[in-house]
C-alpha atoms as a PDB file:
ATOM      1  CA  ARG A   1     -14.662   4.516 -26.831  1.00  0.00           C
ATOM      2  CA  GLY A   2     -12.329   1.894 -28.555  1.00  0.00           C
ATOM      3  CA  GLN A   3     -10.191   4.760 -30.425  1.00  0.00           C
ATOM      4  CA  GLU A   4      -9.187   5.651 -26.803  1.00  0.00           C
ATOM      5  CA  VAL A   5      -8.777   2.969 -25.631  1.00  0.00           C
ATOM      6  CA  ARG A   6      -5.738   2.346 -27.954  1.00  0.00           C
ATOM      7  CA  ARG A   7      -4.788   5.909 -27.995  1.00  0.00           C
ATOM      8  CA  TRP A   8      -3.882   5.559 -23.901  1.00  0.00           C
ATOM      9  CA  ARG A   9      -2.334   2.219 -25.033  1.00  0.00           C
ATOM     10  CA  GLN A  10      -0.451   3.725 -27.990  1.00  0.00           C
ATOM     11  CA  ALA A  11       0.649   6.527 -24.935  1.00  0.00           C
ATOM     12  CA  ARG A  12       1.289   4.378 -22.865  1.00  0.00           C
ATOM     13  CA  ALA A  13       3.711   2.436 -25.161  1.00  0.00           C
ATOM     14  CA  VAL A  14       6.439   5.806 -24.943  1.00  0.00           C
ATOM     15  CA  VAL A  15       7.283   4.960 -20.820  1.00  0.00           C
ATOM     16  CA  ASN A  16       9.820   2.494 -20.040  1.00  0.00           C
ATOM     17  CA  ASN A  17       9.365   1.423 -16.681  1.00  0.00           C
ATOM     18  CA  GLU A  18      12.144  -1.139 -16.907  1.00  0.00           C
ATOM     19  CA  VAL A  19      15.038   1.296 -14.866  1.00  0.00           C
ATOM     20  CA  PRO A  20      14.869   0.734 -10.538  1.00  0.00           C
ATOM     21  CA  GLY A  21      12.779   4.965  -9.415  1.00  0.00           C
ATOM     22  CA  ARG A  22      12.857   5.742 -12.714  1.00  0.00           C
ATOM     23  CA  VAL A  23      10.140   6.543 -15.141  1.00  0.00           C
ATOM     24  CA  TRP A  24      11.945   7.060 -18.771  1.00  0.00           C
ATOM     25  CA  VAL A  25       9.351   9.473 -21.121  1.00  0.00           C
ATOM     26  CA  ASP A  26      11.142   8.614 -24.841  1.00  0.00           C
ATOM     27  CA  GLY A  27      11.103  11.384 -27.026  1.00  0.00           C
ATOM     28  CA  ARG A  28      12.190   9.380 -30.233  1.00  0.00           C
ATOM     29  CA  GLU A  29       8.459   8.159 -29.194  1.00  0.00           C
ATOM     30  CA  ALA A  30       6.619  11.355 -27.987  1.00  0.00           C
ATOM     31  CA  SER A  31       7.851  14.139 -30.428  1.00  0.00           C
ATOM     32  CA  GLY A  32       5.155  15.480 -32.007  1.00  0.00           C
ATOM     33  CA  ARG A  33       1.963  13.980 -29.437  1.00  0.00           C
ATOM     34  CA  SER A  34      -0.360  15.672 -27.486  1.00  0.00           C
ATOM     35  CA  ASP A  35      -1.313  12.171 -25.602  1.00  0.00           C
ATOM     36  CA  VAL A  36       1.381  10.788 -23.464  1.00  0.00           C
ATOM     37  CA  VAL A  37       0.691   9.623 -19.715  1.00  0.00           C
ATOM     38  CA  VAL A  38       2.810   9.026 -17.560  1.00  0.00           C
ATOM     39  CA  VAL A  39       1.476   7.531 -14.597  1.00  0.00           C
ATOM     40  CA  VAL A  40       3.600   6.857 -11.365  1.00  0.00           C
ATOM     41  CA  GLU A  41       2.494   3.852  -8.995  1.00  0.00           C
ATOM     42  CA  GLU A  42       5.590   4.273  -6.642  1.00  0.00           C
ATOM     43  CA  GLY A  43       6.142   8.370  -4.719  1.00  0.00           C
ATOM     44  CA  ARG A  44       9.527   6.824  -5.119  1.00  0.00           C
ATOM     45  CA  GLN A  45      10.093   6.921  -8.979  1.00  0.00           C
ATOM     46  CA  HIS A  46      11.519   9.647 -10.993  1.00  0.00           C
ATOM     47  CA  VAL A  47       9.731  11.063 -13.882  1.00  0.00           C
ATOM     48  CA  TYR A  48      13.154  12.328 -16.426  1.00  0.00           C
ATOM     49  CA  ILE A  49      12.015  13.442 -19.840  1.00  0.00           C
ATOM     50  CA  ALA A  50      14.630  13.174 -21.921  1.00  0.00           C
ATOM     51  CA  GLY A  51      14.508  14.200 -26.528  1.00  0.00           C
ATOM     52  CA  CYS A  52      11.146  15.192 -26.399  1.00  0.00           C
ATOM     53  CA  ARG A  53      10.071  17.382 -29.546  1.00  0.00           C
ATOM     54  CA  ARG A  54       6.365  19.727 -29.551  1.00  0.00           C
ATOM     55  CA  ALA A  55       4.984  16.786 -27.234  1.00  0.00           C
ATOM     56  CA  TRP A  56       2.618  17.111 -24.466  1.00  0.00           C
ATOM     57  CA  VAL A  57       3.737  15.378 -21.392  1.00  0.00           C
ATOM     58  CA  GLU A  58       0.877  14.805 -18.434  1.00  0.00           C
ATOM     59  CA  VAL A  59       2.442  13.163 -15.083  1.00  0.00           C
ATOM     60  CA  ARG A  60      -0.647  11.692 -12.800  1.00  0.00           C
ATOM     61  CA  GLY A  61       0.424  10.244  -9.448  1.00  0.00           C
ATOM     62  CA  ASN A  62       3.124  11.365  -7.204  1.00  0.00           C
ATOM     63  CA  CYS A  63       7.092  11.002  -7.579  1.00  0.00           C
ATOM     64  CA  THR A  64      10.399  11.686  -6.689  1.00  0.00           C
ATOM     65  CA  ALA A  65      11.719  14.302  -9.477  1.00  0.00           C
ATOM     66  CA  VAL A  66      11.052  15.490 -12.409  1.00  0.00           C
ATOM     67  CA  VAL A  67      13.338  16.241 -15.644  1.00  0.00           C
ATOM     68  CA  VAL A  68      13.062  17.803 -18.666  1.00  0.00           C
ATOM     69  CA  GLU A  69      16.329  17.277 -20.416  1.00  0.00           C
ATOM     70  CA  GLY A  70      16.770  17.915 -23.386  1.00  0.00           C
ATOM     71  CA  CYS A  71      13.491  19.307 -25.324  1.00  0.00           C
ATOM     72  CA  ASP A  72      11.661  22.317 -27.298  1.00  0.00           C
ATOM     73  CA  ASP A  73       8.780  23.433 -27.258  1.00  0.00           C
ATOM     74  CA  ILE A  74       6.979  20.664 -24.882  1.00  0.00           C
ATOM     75  CA  GLY A  75       4.436  20.713 -22.180  1.00  0.00           C
ATOM     76  CA  VAL A  76       4.325  18.820 -18.299  1.00  0.00           C
ATOM     77  CA  THR A  77       1.440  19.168 -16.460  1.00  0.00           C
ATOM     78  CA  VAL A  78       1.955  17.911 -13.026  1.00  0.00           C
ATOM     79  CA  ARG A  79      -1.658  16.145 -11.734  1.00  0.00           C
ATOM     80  CA  GLY A  80      -0.046  14.618  -8.041  1.00  0.00           C
ATOM     81  CA  ARG A  81       2.431  16.552  -5.805  1.00  0.00           C
ATOM     82  CA  VAL A  82       6.167  16.573  -6.804  1.00  0.00           C
ATOM     83  CA  MET A  83       8.324  15.796  -3.413  1.00  0.00           C
ATOM     84  CA  GLY A  84      12.015  17.365  -5.231  1.00  0.00           C
ATOM     85  CA  PRO A  85      12.576  19.321  -7.322  1.00  0.00           C
ATOM     86  CA  VAL A  86      10.993  19.779 -11.081  1.00  0.00           C
ATOM     87  CA  GLU A  87      14.685  20.282 -13.209  1.00  0.00           C
ATOM     88  CA  VAL A  88      14.544  21.800 -16.665  1.00  0.00           C
ATOM     89  CA  VAL A  89      18.070  21.486 -18.706  1.00  0.00           C
ATOM     90  CA  GLY A  90      19.209  22.213 -21.899  1.00  0.00           C
ATOM     91  CA  SER A  91      15.607  22.743 -23.413  1.00  0.00           C
ATOM     92  CA  ARG A  92      13.356  25.619 -24.822  1.00  0.00           C
ATOM     93  CA  GLY A  93       9.569  26.461 -25.451  1.00  0.00           C
ATOM     94  CA  VAL A  94       9.267  23.670 -21.922  1.00  0.00           C
ATOM     95  CA  GLN A  95       6.124  24.360 -20.086  1.00  0.00           C
ATOM     96  CA  VAL A  96       6.034  22.965 -16.487  1.00  0.00           C
ATOM     97  CA  GLY A  97       2.534  23.177 -14.406  1.00  0.00           C
ATOM     98  CA  ALA A  98       1.506  21.642 -11.533  1.00  0.00           C
ATOM     99  CA  THR A  99      -2.066  21.201 -10.586  1.00  0.00           C
ATOM    100  CA  GLU A 100      -2.577  20.095  -7.572  1.00  0.00           C
ATOM    101  CA  SER A 101      -0.100  21.532  -5.180  1.00  0.00           C
ATOM    102  CA  PRO A 102       3.504  23.594  -5.731  1.00  0.00           C
ATOM    103  CA  PHE A 103       6.924  22.678  -6.563  1.00  0.00           C
ATOM    104  CA  PRO A 104       8.615  22.380  -3.667  1.00  0.00           C
ATOM    105  CA  ALA A 105      11.930  23.993  -6.250  1.00  0.00           C
ATOM    106  CA  VAL A 106      11.775  24.638 -10.083  1.00  0.00           C
ATOM    107  CA  ARG A 107      15.752  24.298 -11.105  1.00  0.00           C
ATOM    108  CA  VAL A 108      16.278  25.940 -14.699  1.00  0.00           C
ATOM    109  CA  ASP A 109      20.055  25.552 -16.599  1.00  0.00           C
ATOM    110  CA  SER A 110      20.989  26.098 -19.629  1.00  0.00           C
ATOM    111  CA  SER A 111      17.530  26.256 -20.869  1.00  0.00           C
ATOM    112  CA  ASP A 112      15.364  29.960 -22.801  1.00  0.00           C
ATOM    113  CA  SER A 113      11.444  30.428 -22.786  1.00  0.00           C
ATOM    114  CA  VAL A 114      10.768  28.631 -20.113  1.00  0.00           C
ATOM    115  CA  ALA A 115       7.154  28.983 -18.651  1.00  0.00           C
ATOM    116  CA  ILE A 116       6.307  27.651 -14.777  1.00  0.00           C
ATOM    117  CA  PHE A 117       2.563  27.769 -13.834  1.00  0.00           C
ATOM    118  CA  LEU A 118       2.108  26.867  -9.865  1.00  0.00           C
ATOM    119  CA  PRO A 119      -1.750  25.843  -8.634  1.00  0.00           C
ATOM    120  CA  GLN A 120      -1.751  28.895  -6.323  1.00  0.00           C
ATOM    121  CA  CYS A 121       0.691  32.120  -4.516  1.00  0.00           C
ATOM    122  CA  ALA A 122       3.281  29.309  -3.355  1.00  0.00           C
ATOM    123  CA  PRO A 123       6.072  31.582  -0.286  1.00  0.00           C
ATOM    124  CA  ASP A 124       7.659  27.441  -0.261  1.00  0.00           C
ATOM    125  CA  THR A 125       8.778  27.232  -4.203  1.00  0.00           C
ATOM    126  CA  GLN A 126      12.176  27.816  -4.976  1.00  0.00           C
ATOM    127  CA  ILE A 127      13.251  28.702  -7.833  1.00  0.00           C
ATOM    128  CA  LEU A 128      16.451  28.529  -9.054  1.00  0.00           C
ATOM    129  CA  THR A 129      18.240  29.805 -13.096  1.00  0.00           C
ATOM    130  CA  ALA A 130      21.549  29.372 -14.360  1.00  0.00           C
ATOM    131  CA  ARG A 131      21.864  30.628 -17.860  1.00  0.00           C
ATOM    132  CA  SER A 132      19.165  31.117 -18.876  1.00  0.00           C
ATOM    133  CA  ARG A 133      16.214  33.273 -20.920  1.00  0.00           C
ATOM    134  CA  LYS A 134      13.270  34.243 -20.623  1.00  0.00           C
ATOM    135  CA  VAL A 135      11.757  32.377 -17.907  1.00  0.00           C
ATOM    136  CA  THR A 136       8.620  33.364 -16.087  1.00  0.00           C
ATOM    137  CA  VAL A 137       5.809  31.822 -13.100  1.00  0.00           C
ATOM    138  CA  ALA A 138       2.555  32.857 -13.360  1.00  0.00           C
ATOM    139  CA  TRP A 139       0.130  31.875 -11.307  1.00  0.00           C
ATOM    140  CA  PRO A 140      -3.641  32.701 -10.239  1.00  0.00           C
ATOM    141  CA  GLY A 141      -5.084  35.944  -9.137  1.00  0.00           C
ATOM    142  CA  ASP A 142      -8.213  36.158  -7.035  1.00  0.00           C
ATOM    143  CA  ARG A 143     -10.746  36.511 -10.927  1.00  0.00           C
ATOM    144  CA  PRO A 144     -11.567  33.535 -12.580  1.00  0.00           C
ATOM    145  CA  ALA A 145      -9.418  34.239 -16.220  1.00  0.00           C
ATOM    146  CA  GLU A 146      -6.366  36.372 -13.916  1.00  0.00           C
ATOM    147  CA  PHE A 147      -2.979  35.190 -13.680  1.00  0.00           C
ATOM    148  CA  HIS A 148      -0.238  36.764 -11.795  1.00  0.00           C
ATOM    149  CA  GLU A 149       3.589  36.657 -13.588  1.00  0.00           C
ATOM    150  CA  HIS A 150       7.023  37.998 -13.215  1.00  0.00           C
ATOM    151  CA  THR A 151       9.923  37.075 -14.750  1.00  0.00           C
ATOM    152  CA  LEU A 152      12.484  35.458 -12.713  1.00  0.00           C
ATOM    153  CA  PRO A 153      16.227  36.928 -14.023  1.00  0.00           C
ATOM    154  CA  SER A 154      19.545  34.692 -13.888  1.00  0.00           C
ATOM    155  CA  ARG A 155      21.695  33.181 -11.489  1.00  0.00           C
ATOM    156  CA  LEU A 156      19.000  33.640  -8.654  1.00  0.00           C
ATOM    157  CA  VAL A 157      18.078  32.188  -6.290  1.00  0.00           C
ATOM    158  CA  SER A 158      13.792  33.653  -6.352  1.00  0.00           C
ATOM    159  CA  THR A 159      10.849  33.040  -3.989  1.00  0.00           C
ATOM    160  CA  VAL A 160       7.845  35.146  -3.011  1.00  0.00           C
ATOM    161  CA  ASP A 161       7.179  36.065   0.274  1.00  0.00           C
ATOM    162  CA  ALA A 162       2.763  36.701   1.938  1.00  0.00           C
ATOM    163  CA  ASP A 163       3.195  39.876   0.007  1.00  0.00           C
ATOM    164  CA  ASP A 164       2.824  38.222  -3.525  1.00  0.00           C
ATOM    165  CA  GLU A 165       6.757  40.396  -3.490  1.00  0.00           C
ATOM    166  CA  TRP A 166       9.697  38.000  -5.416  1.00  0.00           C
ATOM    167  CA  GLN A 167      12.866  38.428  -3.816  1.00  0.00           C
ATOM    168  CA  ASN A 168      15.447  38.162  -5.650  1.00  0.00           C
ATOM    169  CA  ALA A 169      19.406  36.583  -4.129  1.00  0.00           C
ATOM    170  CA  CYS A 170      22.389  35.290  -5.537  1.00  0.00           C
ATOM    171  CA  ALA A 171      22.959  31.429  -5.536  1.00  0.00           C
ATOM    172  CA  ASP A 172      25.511  29.734  -3.251  1.00  0.00           C
ATOM    173  CA  VAL A 173      27.405  27.623  -6.142  1.00  0.00           C
END
């Protein structure tokens, strides 16, 4: 039990809440760790994860937005609700997943190998990709351990309809 508390304190040390309205995860401190937990205490806060390498970040609570920028081989799990977009910018090997409610919007810009995991098929989720390669979205199927997976093209806005069919449209710039 003491070791768990110590790890929890170390994980909280990499999270910076000094800027009002933002929660920052410092990549220099979080890189190579799998126990980074961000607890969002106010629903109006953004979570900004920058410069992390080979890390796993868990976001707990409701927040306004999640931004992952300049990260390599990172996983982000959101246990709560994100009211705004989830953005992945200039990153490689990113996995972003929601456990409770789907994201309203996901923006992927200048990134490679991005996997988006949704808790269910989400017709209201809009995914915008630009200058990105290997962007996939997955959601649970009807049977346990079954996932539906769809690869998204770049420079398009993708949404899913009621029949689990993905619709792609040109993005307005």
